[in-house]
C-alpha cells in the first residue's frame, strides 16, 4: 500500500496541474469528519480540491448504512457517475464509509465504473488507493484495524478549508460494543477503541492555535470513552481517563470556548459527567440524548439497556446541573411489535422530557442486525401515521421553546449566508439552535463572516429557527 501520487509533466517539462478531488458525504457527523480527514490526506499528497464535478479527477462517495434510503442513494450516485467517468479519460471513483465496510469487493463487482473501495478503518490508505486506481488497479481495502495507528493522521494542511470556520470535529473514540438490535454500526465501525487523552488534547490545542473556538467531540458512544481500559485496569497504560476528566482538560485549553459531544449513550452518564455540565462554562448547554422509544417493552427488544424512568431521571439530573440545557433526541417508530400503547408511551416521553427538537425515523430493517428477522412487522401505513404524529408533536415543542427564548441576548458563531433571505447570515447559539440575522453592511464595511462571533437579540420564533438582531451598532464581536 505504498503507491504514491505521480504528478506528470507537460511536454515542455513543466509540472502538470495537480489532480483534483471532490468528496460527497451523507450520514452522521462521524462521516462528515471522515470526509474531512480524507480530504486533508489528499492535500498532503499533492491533490487539490475541485471546484465542482466537471473539474474533478477523483470523486469519493462517503456512504451511510444506518437506513436503507441512504444505501439506495449510493447506487443512484454511482449510476449517475458512470457518464461522468466516461466523459474524460483518467477519472477515478472511490467509495468509503459504512456501506463500503459492509460490501467491500461486492461493490466492485456490482459497479464496474467503481475503481476503489475503502472501509471505515482505512482512511489513511485513500491516497495510495487513488494513486493505484489512476494506474489502472481496482482494489477494496476494508480490513478491520484494532490498532491506534488508524488515528495517526497529519495536522490540517495549510490549504485545508473548513466548511465551518471556527468550528471543528475531533474524534475521541470509534466503534460500538452495544449491539442494539436495530443498529448496524458495530458491524460497520467495529468494536470500541479510545484514543490516548494526550493525543486528543494535543489535537485540540493545534486546532485552537488555528482559530477554532468550538469543538465537537465525536464517537459512536462518545461518553463510553476509555471505559474498557478502566474496567481492565489498564487506563494508565492506554493513556485514557474518564470522559468527564477529558472534557475538563479540553475546557482548560486557551481559545476553546465551546465544547459539544455526540452521540452519547444514556447508560454512560455518571455523576461526574452530569456535574461537568454545571461546572464547565465552555460545555455547551445542549445534549443530544438518543431515546429511540418511550416504551419499556420496545426498549427491551431494542436492547437499549435502560428504561423510561432511568432515561427521564437522567434528563432531570442534567437540568438540575444546567437549568437552561436544551435536550434533543433520536426516536424510531414502527419497530417490530410496537403497539398503539407503545407509541403513545413514546409521545408521552416526548412531553415529559420536554425535548427541544428531535430526529425521528421509521424503522428500517438492516441486514445483519438482530431485529432484521423479526416477523411482527408494523404496516407501512401505520408507521407513516405514527411518524406524522410524532413530528407534529416535536415541531410544536420546538416552536414553544423558541417562543420562550424571544428577548434573550446570545452569542452566535456565524456559519455563513442564511437560506431565508438576501443579506441575512445564520449561526448557532450555545444551545445549538439556528439563528438567522439581518446583517446590513455599512458602506465600505464588511459584514460578519463565517467563523466570527456576533452578539444578537432574539426577536422572533420560527418552527425551525430563531430570528435575531445584531446587538447595538452591529458587527462582529470577535473576528477569528
Protein backbone atom coordinates (compact mmCIF):
# COMPACT_ATOMS: atom_id res chain seq x y z
CA UNK A 1 0.00 0.00 0.00
CA UNK A 2 2.91 2.30 -0.81
CA UNK A 3 1.68 3.70 -4.12
CA UNK A 4 2.16 7.45 -4.31
CA UNK A 5 0.69 10.22 -6.41
CA UNK A 6 2.61 10.94 -9.58
CA UNK A 7 2.16 14.44 -11.00
CA UNK A 8 3.06 14.20 -14.65
CA UNK A 9 4.96 16.76 -16.71
CA UNK A 10 3.83 18.75 -19.71
CA UNK A 11 5.80 18.29 -22.96
CA UNK A 12 7.87 21.37 -22.10
CA UNK A 13 8.98 19.78 -18.84
CA UNK A 14 6.87 21.95 -16.55
CA UNK A 15 4.68 20.19 -13.97
CA UNK A 16 1.10 19.44 -14.92
CA UNK A 17 -1.69 20.79 -12.82
CA UNK A 18 -2.30 18.81 -9.65
CA UNK A 19 -5.22 16.38 -9.91
CA UNK A 20 -8.37 17.44 -8.14
CA UNK A 21 -10.78 15.64 -5.81
CA UNK A 22 -14.41 16.01 -4.82
CA UNK A 23 -15.90 14.27 -1.77
CA UNK A 24 -19.64 13.68 -1.36
CA UNK A 25 -20.72 12.71 2.15
CA UNK A 26 -24.01 11.52 3.58
CA UNK A 27 -24.76 10.45 7.13
CA UNK A 28 -23.67 11.35 10.63
CA UNK A 29 -21.10 13.80 11.96
CA UNK A 30 -18.56 10.96 12.09
CA UNK A 31 -18.99 10.54 8.33
CA UNK A 32 -18.63 14.27 7.77
CA UNK A 33 -15.41 14.27 9.77
CA UNK A 34 -14.14 11.19 7.91
CA UNK A 35 -14.67 13.13 4.69
CA UNK A 36 -12.60 15.99 6.12
CA UNK A 37 -9.84 13.57 7.12
CA UNK A 38 -9.71 12.06 3.63
CA UNK A 39 -9.60 15.50 2.02
CA UNK A 40 -6.76 16.53 4.32
CA UNK A 41 -4.82 13.35 3.49
CA UNK A 42 -5.21 14.02 -0.22
CA UNK A 43 -4.00 17.60 0.21
CA UNK A 44 -0.87 16.29 1.94
CA UNK A 45 -0.23 14.03 -1.07
CA UNK A 46 -0.44 16.74 -3.70
CA UNK A 47 -4.11 16.70 -4.65
CA UNK A 48 -6.22 19.85 -4.73
CA UNK A 49 -9.96 20.38 -4.11
CA UNK A 50 -12.16 20.53 -7.21
CA UNK A 51 -14.48 23.47 -7.77
CA UNK A 52 -17.20 21.09 -8.93
CA UNK A 53 -17.87 17.76 -10.58
CA UNK A 54 -16.67 18.77 -14.04
CA UNK A 55 -13.39 19.99 -12.51
CA UNK A 56 -12.69 16.76 -10.61
CA UNK A 57 -10.34 13.91 -11.47
CA UNK A 58 -11.41 11.89 -8.43
CA UNK A 59 -14.87 11.62 -6.84
CA UNK A 60 -15.25 9.89 -3.48
CA UNK A 61 -18.70 8.96 -2.22
CA UNK A 62 -18.66 8.64 1.57
CA UNK A 63 -21.61 6.45 2.49
CA UNK A 64 -24.02 5.71 5.33
CA UNK A 65 -25.90 2.47 6.02
CA UNK A 66 -27.95 3.40 9.08
CA UNK A 67 -31.09 3.48 6.95
CA UNK A 68 -32.00 1.78 3.69
CA UNK A 69 -32.67 5.11 1.98
CA UNK A 70 -29.06 6.26 2.43
CA UNK A 71 -27.77 2.99 0.97
CA UNK A 72 -30.01 3.30 -2.08
CA UNK A 73 -28.66 6.80 -2.64
CA UNK A 74 -25.18 5.34 -3.18
CA UNK A 75 -26.30 3.18 -6.08
CA UNK A 76 -28.12 6.13 -7.61
CA UNK A 77 -24.97 8.25 -7.34
CA UNK A 78 -22.82 5.52 -8.89
CA UNK A 79 -25.22 5.25 -11.80
CA UNK A 80 -25.03 8.99 -12.43
CA UNK A 81 -21.22 8.98 -12.12
CA UNK A 82 -20.86 6.39 -14.87
CA UNK A 83 -21.39 9.05 -17.54
CA UNK A 84 -19.07 11.48 -15.70
CA UNK A 85 -16.26 8.91 -15.75
CA UNK A 86 -16.76 8.05 -19.41
CA UNK A 87 -16.64 11.72 -20.40
CA UNK A 88 -12.89 12.10 -19.75
CA UNK A 89 -10.02 9.59 -19.55
CA UNK A 90 -8.32 9.07 -16.20
CA UNK A 91 -11.25 9.92 -13.98
CA UNK A 92 -11.49 7.82 -10.82
CA UNK A 93 -14.37 6.90 -8.48
CA UNK A 94 -13.93 5.71 -4.89
CA UNK A 95 -16.47 4.68 -2.26
CA UNK A 96 -15.92 4.77 1.50
CA UNK A 97 -17.97 4.73 4.69
CA UNK A 98 -20.27 2.18 6.22
CA UNK A 99 -21.71 0.67 3.02
CA UNK A 100 -18.15 0.23 1.76
CA UNK A 101 -17.21 -1.52 5.01
CA UNK A 102 -20.19 -3.88 4.65
CA UNK A 103 -19.94 -4.67 0.96
CA UNK A 104 -16.22 -4.48 0.11
CA UNK A 105 -15.38 -6.40 -3.09
CA UNK A 106 -19.09 -6.90 -3.79
CA UNK A 107 -19.32 -3.18 -4.60
CA UNK A 108 -16.56 -3.52 -7.20
CA UNK A 109 -18.41 -6.45 -8.76
CA UNK A 110 -21.72 -4.61 -8.81
CA UNK A 111 -20.40 -1.31 -10.21
CA UNK A 112 -17.80 -1.69 -12.99
CA UNK A 113 -17.29 2.08 -13.06
CA UNK A 114 -16.06 1.99 -9.45
CA UNK A 115 -12.26 1.98 -9.01
CA UNK A 116 -11.65 1.50 -5.28
CA UNK A 117 -13.44 0.86 -2.00
CA UNK A 118 -12.17 1.71 1.47
CA UNK A 119 -13.60 0.85 4.86
CA UNK A 120 -14.08 2.94 7.96
CA UNK A 121 -10.72 1.86 9.41
CA UNK A 122 -8.72 2.58 6.25
CA UNK A 123 -8.92 6.32 5.65
CA UNK A 124 -5.16 6.76 5.69
CA UNK A 125 -4.85 4.37 2.71
CA UNK A 126 -7.00 6.50 0.41
CA UNK A 127 -4.17 8.45 -1.30
CA UNK A 128 -2.44 5.17 -2.17
CA UNK A 129 -5.69 3.62 -3.39
CA UNK A 130 -6.38 6.68 -5.54
CA UNK A 131 -2.85 6.57 -6.97
CA UNK A 132 -3.20 2.86 -7.76
CA UNK A 133 -6.58 3.49 -9.41
CA UNK A 134 -5.03 6.12 -11.69
CA UNK A 135 -2.54 3.42 -12.72
CA UNK A 136 -5.40 1.07 -13.63
CA UNK A 137 -5.78 -1.03 -10.46
CA UNK A 138 -9.14 -1.79 -8.86
CA UNK A 139 -8.96 -2.60 -5.18
CA UNK A 140 -11.01 -2.87 -1.98
CA UNK A 141 -9.43 -2.25 1.43
CA UNK A 142 -11.94 -2.95 4.20
CA UNK A 143 -9.73 -4.80 6.69
CA UNK A 144 -10.56 -4.08 10.32
CA UNK A 145 -7.84 -2.35 12.28
CA UNK A 146 -7.91 -2.58 16.06
CA UNK A 147 -4.69 -0.59 16.49
CA UNK A 148 -4.38 3.08 17.32
CA UNK A 149 -2.49 3.65 14.06
CA UNK A 150 -5.72 4.49 12.26
CA UNK A 151 -5.88 7.68 14.35
CA UNK A 152 -2.36 8.73 13.29
CA UNK A 153 -3.29 11.39 10.76
CA UNK A 154 -1.50 14.61 9.84
CA UNK A 155 -2.49 18.02 11.14
CA UNK A 156 -4.60 20.20 8.89
CA UNK A 157 -2.79 21.04 5.66
CA UNK A 158 -2.15 24.78 5.14
CA UNK A 159 -4.61 24.67 2.23
CA UNK A 160 -7.34 22.88 4.23
CA UNK A 161 -10.51 24.96 4.15
CA UNK A 162 -13.17 24.16 6.69
CA UNK A 163 -16.82 24.33 5.68
CA UNK A 164 -17.47 25.75 9.15
CA UNK A 165 -14.67 28.15 10.13
CA UNK A 166 -14.23 28.46 13.87
CA UNK A 167 -15.73 25.00 14.45
CA UNK A 168 -14.14 21.56 14.21
CA UNK A 169 -14.85 17.91 14.89
CA UNK A 170 -12.42 15.90 17.00
CA UNK A 171 -12.59 12.08 17.18
CA UNK A 172 -12.06 10.73 20.71
CA UNK A 173 -13.14 7.12 20.14
CA UNK A 174 -14.60 4.90 17.45
CA UNK A 175 -16.72 1.78 17.35
CA UNK A 176 -19.57 0.48 19.46
CA UNK A 177 -19.98 -2.58 21.67
CA UNK A 178 -23.66 -2.08 22.48
CA UNK A 179 -25.21 -4.14 19.65
CA UNK A 180 -28.66 -2.58 19.79
CA UNK A 181 -30.92 -4.90 17.85
CA UNK A 182 -31.76 -2.32 15.14
CA UNK A 183 -28.27 -0.91 14.57
CA UNK A 184 -25.61 -1.92 12.05
CA UNK A 185 -22.90 0.39 13.46
CA UNK A 186 -20.97 -2.27 15.47
CA UNK A 187 -20.55 -4.20 12.22
CA UNK A 188 -19.52 -1.22 10.13
CA UNK A 189 -17.44 0.73 12.66
CA UNK A 190 -16.07 -2.19 14.69
CA UNK A 191 -15.52 -2.56 18.40
CA UNK A 192 -14.89 0.36 20.74
CA UNK A 193 -11.40 1.81 20.74
CA UNK A 194 -10.39 5.01 22.56
CA UNK A 195 -7.55 7.34 21.64
CA UNK A 196 -4.99 8.33 24.30
CA UNK A 197 -6.10 11.51 26.04
CA UNK A 198 -2.74 13.17 25.35
CA UNK A 199 -3.27 12.80 21.58
CA UNK A 200 -6.79 14.22 21.82
CA UNK A 201 -5.63 17.22 23.87
CA UNK A 202 -2.71 17.83 21.50
CA UNK A 203 -5.09 17.88 18.52
CA UNK A 204 -7.44 20.22 20.38
CA UNK A 205 -4.55 22.57 21.14
CA UNK A 206 -3.46 22.55 17.48
CA UNK A 207 -6.99 23.38 16.37
CA UNK A 208 -7.20 26.21 18.91
CA UNK A 209 -3.97 27.66 17.51
CA UNK A 210 -5.63 27.71 14.08
CA UNK A 211 -8.55 29.76 15.39
CA UNK A 212 -11.05 27.04 16.26
CA UNK A 213 -13.26 28.15 19.17
CA UNK A 214 -15.88 25.37 19.09
CA UNK A 215 -15.04 21.66 19.25
CA UNK A 216 -17.45 18.77 18.86
CA UNK A 217 -16.04 15.55 20.32
CA UNK A 218 -17.09 12.53 18.28
CA UNK A 219 -17.66 8.87 19.00
CA UNK A 220 -20.33 6.28 18.28
CA UNK A 221 -20.90 6.12 22.07
CA UNK A 222 -18.76 9.10 22.87
CA UNK A 223 -19.28 9.12 26.64
CA UNK A 224 -18.12 5.49 26.80
CA UNK A 225 -14.65 6.88 26.13
CA UNK A 226 -11.99 4.88 28.00
CA UNK A 227 -14.47 2.57 29.76
CA UNK A 228 -12.86 -0.69 28.66
CA UNK A 229 -9.39 0.47 29.70
CA UNK A 230 -10.76 1.46 33.10
CA UNK A 231 -12.61 -1.86 33.58
CA UNK A 232 -9.48 -3.82 32.69
CA UNK A 233 -7.25 -1.74 34.97
CA UNK A 234 -5.13 -0.51 32.08
CA UNK A 235 -6.23 3.12 31.77
CA UNK A 236 -2.80 4.41 32.77
CA UNK A 237 -1.10 2.15 30.23
CA UNK A 238 -3.56 3.10 27.48
CA UNK A 239 -3.43 6.79 28.36
CA UNK A 240 -7.20 7.13 28.69
CA UNK A 241 -9.28 8.61 31.50
CA UNK A 242 -12.96 9.16 32.38
CA UNK A 243 -14.84 11.19 29.80
CA UNK A 244 -15.66 13.99 32.25
CA UNK A 245 -11.96 14.33 33.05
CA UNK A 246 -11.17 14.61 29.34
CA UNK A 247 -13.79 17.36 28.99
CA UNK A 248 -12.19 19.30 31.84
CA UNK A 249 -8.76 19.13 30.18
CA UNK A 250 -10.11 20.37 26.86
CA UNK A 251 -12.10 23.14 28.56
CA UNK A 252 -8.82 24.42 30.04
CA UNK A 253 -7.23 24.95 26.59
CA UNK A 254 -6.88 28.68 25.82
CA UNK A 255 -9.11 29.65 22.90
CA UNK A 256 -11.59 26.78 23.21
CA UNK A 257 -14.81 28.48 24.24
CA UNK A 258 -17.46 25.94 23.22
CA UNK A 259 -17.42 22.17 23.63
CA UNK A 260 -20.05 19.75 22.37
CA UNK A 261 -20.08 15.95 22.15
CA UNK A 262 -22.11 13.44 20.16
CA UNK A 263 -23.59 10.92 20.37
CA UNK A 264 -23.72 9.79 23.97
CA UNK A 265 -25.48 6.70 25.28
CA UNK A 266 -27.78 7.26 28.28
CA UNK A 267 -26.21 4.47 30.36
CA UNK A 268 -22.73 6.02 30.28
CA UNK A 269 -23.62 9.23 32.11
CA UNK A 270 -22.03 9.14 35.55
CA UNK A 271 -22.37 11.76 38.28
CA UNK A 272 -19.14 13.49 37.26
CA UNK A 273 -20.28 13.92 33.64
CA UNK A 274 -23.63 15.33 34.76
CA UNK A 275 -21.82 17.65 37.18
CA UNK A 276 -19.48 18.84 34.40
CA UNK A 277 -22.45 20.47 32.69
CA UNK A 278 -22.81 22.76 35.67
CA UNK A 279 -19.09 23.24 36.29
CA UNK A 280 -17.71 23.97 32.81
CA UNK A 281 -18.92 27.18 31.14
CA UNK A 282 -17.38 26.02 27.85
CA UNK A 283 -19.52 22.88 27.82
CA UNK A 284 -22.49 23.99 25.75
CA UNK A 285 -25.98 23.86 27.30
CA UNK A 286 -27.16 21.21 24.85
CA UNK A 287 -27.14 17.42 24.93
CA UNK A 288 -28.33 15.22 22.11
CA UNK A 289 -29.59 12.22 24.05
CA UNK A 290 -30.96 9.39 21.86
CA UNK A 291 -34.02 7.77 23.43
CA UNK A 292 -35.30 5.69 20.46
CA UNK A 293 -38.59 4.83 22.22
CA UNK A 294 -40.64 5.69 25.28
CA UNK A 295 -41.91 2.15 25.77
CA UNK A 296 -40.05 -0.15 28.17
CA UNK A 297 -41.20 -3.16 26.15
CA UNK A 298 -39.80 -1.73 22.91
CA UNK A 299 -36.61 -0.53 24.60
CA UNK A 300 -36.08 -4.07 25.85
CA UNK A 301 -36.46 -5.54 22.36
CA UNK A 302 -34.13 -2.85 21.06
CA UNK A 303 -31.51 -3.91 23.67
CA UNK A 304 -31.09 -0.34 24.84
CA UNK A 305 -30.25 -1.36 28.45
CA UNK A 306 -32.30 1.36 30.12
CA UNK A 307 -35.97 2.03 30.74
CA UNK A 308 -38.19 5.05 30.58
CA UNK A 309 -37.78 6.04 34.23
CA UNK A 310 -33.99 5.85 34.13
CA UNK A 311 -33.94 7.98 30.99
CA UNK A 312 -36.21 10.64 32.48
CA UNK A 313 -34.18 10.69 35.70
CA UNK A 314 -31.08 11.46 33.63
CA UNK A 315 -32.89 14.29 31.82
CA UNK A 316 -33.88 15.83 35.15
CA UNK A 317 -30.35 15.42 36.54
CA UNK A 318 -28.92 17.29 33.56
CA UNK A 319 -31.49 20.07 34.00
CA UNK A 320 -30.65 20.30 37.70
CA UNK A 321 -26.98 20.74 36.83
CA UNK A 322 -27.66 23.25 34.00
CA UNK A 323 -31.21 24.63 34.13
CA UNK A 324 -31.08 26.18 30.64
CA UNK A 325 -29.87 22.98 28.97
CA UNK A 326 -31.59 22.02 25.70
CA UNK A 327 -32.23 18.29 25.27
CA UNK A 328 -32.69 16.84 21.79
CA UNK A 329 -33.13 13.20 20.83
CA UNK A 330 -33.48 10.41 18.26
CA UNK A 331 -36.68 8.37 18.05
CA UNK A 332 -37.74 5.34 15.98
CA UNK A 333 -41.36 4.50 15.19
CA UNK A 334 -42.69 1.22 13.88
CA UNK A 335 -40.12 -1.06 15.50
CA UNK A 336 -41.28 -4.70 15.18
CA UNK A 337 -44.05 -5.39 17.66
CA UNK A 338 -44.69 -1.73 18.53
CA UNK A 339 -48.32 -1.39 19.60
CA UNK A 340 -50.52 1.67 19.76
CA UNK A 341 -49.85 1.75 23.52
CA UNK A 342 -46.08 1.58 22.93
CA UNK A 343 -46.30 4.51 20.53
CA UNK A 344 -48.40 6.52 22.98
CA UNK A 345 -45.63 5.89 25.55
CA UNK A 346 -43.18 7.46 23.12
CA UNK A 347 -45.37 10.53 22.71
CA UNK A 348 -45.65 10.79 26.48
CA UNK A 349 -41.86 10.58 26.82
CA UNK A 350 -41.52 13.46 24.36
CA UNK A 351 -43.86 15.55 26.50
CA UNK A 352 -42.31 14.56 29.83
CA UNK A 353 -38.71 15.12 28.68
CA UNK A 354 -39.72 18.44 27.06
CA UNK A 355 -37.44 17.80 24.10
CA UNK A 356 -36.42 20.94 22.27
CA UNK A 357 -36.11 19.03 19.00
CA UNK A 358 -35.53 15.54 17.68
CA UNK A 359 -34.72 13.37 14.71
CA UNK A 360 -37.43 10.79 14.07
CA UNK A 361 -37.30 7.82 11.73
CA UNK A 362 -39.48 4.98 10.55
CA UNK A 363 -37.88 1.66 11.44
CA UNK A 364 -35.94 0.15 8.55
CA UNK A 365 -34.53 -3.40 8.92
CA UNK A 366 -30.78 -3.57 8.33
CA UNK A 367 -29.21 -6.85 7.21
CA UNK A 368 -27.07 -8.45 9.90
CA UNK A 369 -28.91 -6.91 12.85
CA UNK A 370 -30.82 -8.93 15.44
CA UNK A 371 -34.12 -7.23 14.61
CA UNK A 372 -33.88 -7.86 10.86
CA UNK A 373 -35.54 -11.27 11.19
CA UNK A 374 -38.47 -10.12 13.31
CA UNK A 375 -41.82 -11.12 11.83
CA UNK A 376 -44.12 -8.86 13.89
CA UNK A 377 -43.83 -6.12 11.30
CA UNK A 378 -45.69 -2.83 11.71
CA UNK A 379 -47.58 -1.96 8.50
CA UNK A 380 -46.11 0.89 6.49
CA UNK A 381 -49.33 2.90 6.69
CA UNK A 382 -49.24 2.68 10.49
CA UNK A 383 -45.59 3.74 10.54
CA UNK A 384 -46.49 6.76 8.42
CA UNK A 385 -49.34 7.79 10.70
CA UNK A 386 -47.09 7.49 13.73
CA UNK A 387 -44.18 9.42 12.25
CA UNK A 388 -46.53 12.25 11.27
CA UNK A 389 -47.98 12.43 14.78
CA UNK A 390 -44.51 12.36 16.34
CA UNK A 391 -43.11 15.04 14.04
CA UNK A 392 -46.14 17.24 14.73
CA UNK A 393 -45.58 16.99 18.48
CA UNK A 394 -41.84 17.67 18.18
CA UNK A 395 -42.45 20.70 15.95
CA UNK A 396 -44.93 22.12 18.44
CA UNK A 397 -42.43 21.73 21.30
CA UNK A 398 -39.63 23.28 19.22
CA UNK A 399 -41.77 26.32 18.46
CA UNK A 400 -42.82 26.63 22.11
CA UNK A 401 -39.15 26.55 23.18
CA UNK A 402 -38.22 29.16 20.59
CA UNK A 403 -41.03 31.46 21.71
CA UNK A 404 -39.85 31.29 25.31
CA UNK A 405 -36.42 32.47 24.24
CA UNK A 406 -37.54 35.60 22.39
CA UNK A 407 -35.99 38.60 24.13
CA UNK A 408 -32.75 36.83 25.12
CA UNK A 409 -29.34 38.10 24.03
CA UNK A 410 -26.99 35.38 22.87
CA UNK A 411 -23.73 34.96 21.01
CA UNK A 412 -23.86 33.09 17.72
CA UNK A 413 -20.97 31.59 15.81
CA UNK A 414 -21.60 32.58 12.19
CA UNK A 415 -21.74 29.72 9.68
CA UNK A 416 -22.45 31.73 6.53
CA UNK A 417 -25.30 33.21 4.49
CA UNK A 418 -28.82 32.33 5.57
CA UNK A 419 -31.15 30.44 3.27
CA UNK A 420 -34.03 32.62 4.46
CA UNK A 421 -33.29 35.93 2.83
CA UNK A 422 -30.86 38.10 0.93
CA UNK A 423 -28.45 39.89 3.25
CA UNK A 424 -29.06 37.54 6.15
CA UNK A 425 -26.45 35.43 7.92
CA UNK A 426 -27.03 32.36 10.05
CA UNK A 427 -25.20 30.90 13.00
CA UNK A 428 -25.74 28.70 16.03
CA UNK A 429 -26.10 29.73 19.62
CA UNK A 430 -24.67 27.70 22.55
CA UNK A 431 -27.89 25.62 22.68
CA UNK A 432 -27.22 24.62 19.04
CA UNK A 433 -30.24 26.49 17.71
CA UNK A 434 -30.05 28.12 14.29
CA UNK A 435 -30.36 31.91 14.43
CA UNK A 436 -30.91 33.97 11.27
CA UNK A 437 -29.84 37.60 11.41
CA UNK A 438 -30.15 40.59 9.09
CA UNK A 439 -26.60 41.78 8.56
CA UNK A 440 -26.70 45.11 6.75
CA UNK A 441 -23.30 46.32 5.64
CA UNK A 442 -22.30 49.91 6.13
CA UNK A 443 -20.71 51.42 3.01
CA UNK A 444 -17.21 50.04 2.73
CA UNK A 445 -17.55 47.90 5.87
CA UNK A 446 -17.52 44.11 5.73
CA UNK A 447 -20.41 42.23 7.33
CA UNK A 448 -19.96 39.33 9.72
CA UNK A 449 -18.23 36.39 8.05
CA UNK A 450 -18.23 32.67 8.74
CA UNK A 451 -16.27 31.92 11.89
CA UNK A 452 -16.99 35.25 13.58
CA UNK A 453 -18.95 35.58 16.81
CA UNK A 454 -21.81 38.05 16.97
CA UNK A 455 -24.00 39.19 19.87
CA UNK A 456 -27.65 39.15 18.85
CA UNK A 457 -31.01 39.74 20.48
CA UNK A 458 -33.62 37.08 19.67
CA UNK A 459 -36.70 38.84 18.28
CA UNK A 460 -38.83 36.19 16.56
CA UNK A 461 -39.53 32.47 16.87
CA UNK A 462 -39.94 30.24 13.83
CA UNK A 463 -40.69 26.49 13.74
CA UNK A 464 -37.11 25.52 12.90
CA UNK A 465 -35.02 28.55 13.83
CA UNK A 466 -34.91 31.93 15.55
CA UNK A 467 -34.59 35.44 14.15
CA UNK A 468 -32.11 37.80 15.76
CA UNK A 469 -30.94 41.39 15.53
CA UNK A 470 -27.30 42.36 15.95
CA UNK A 471 -26.85 43.98 19.32
CA UNK A 472 -26.08 47.68 19.47
CA UNK A 473 -24.47 49.21 16.42
CA UNK A 474 -23.93 45.74 14.94
CA UNK A 475 -20.88 43.97 13.76
CA UNK A 476 -18.84 41.01 14.92
CA UNK A 477 -17.52 40.97 18.45
CA UNK A 478 -14.68 38.51 17.97
CA UNK A 479 -13.23 38.04 14.48
CA UNK A 480 -11.18 34.83 14.19
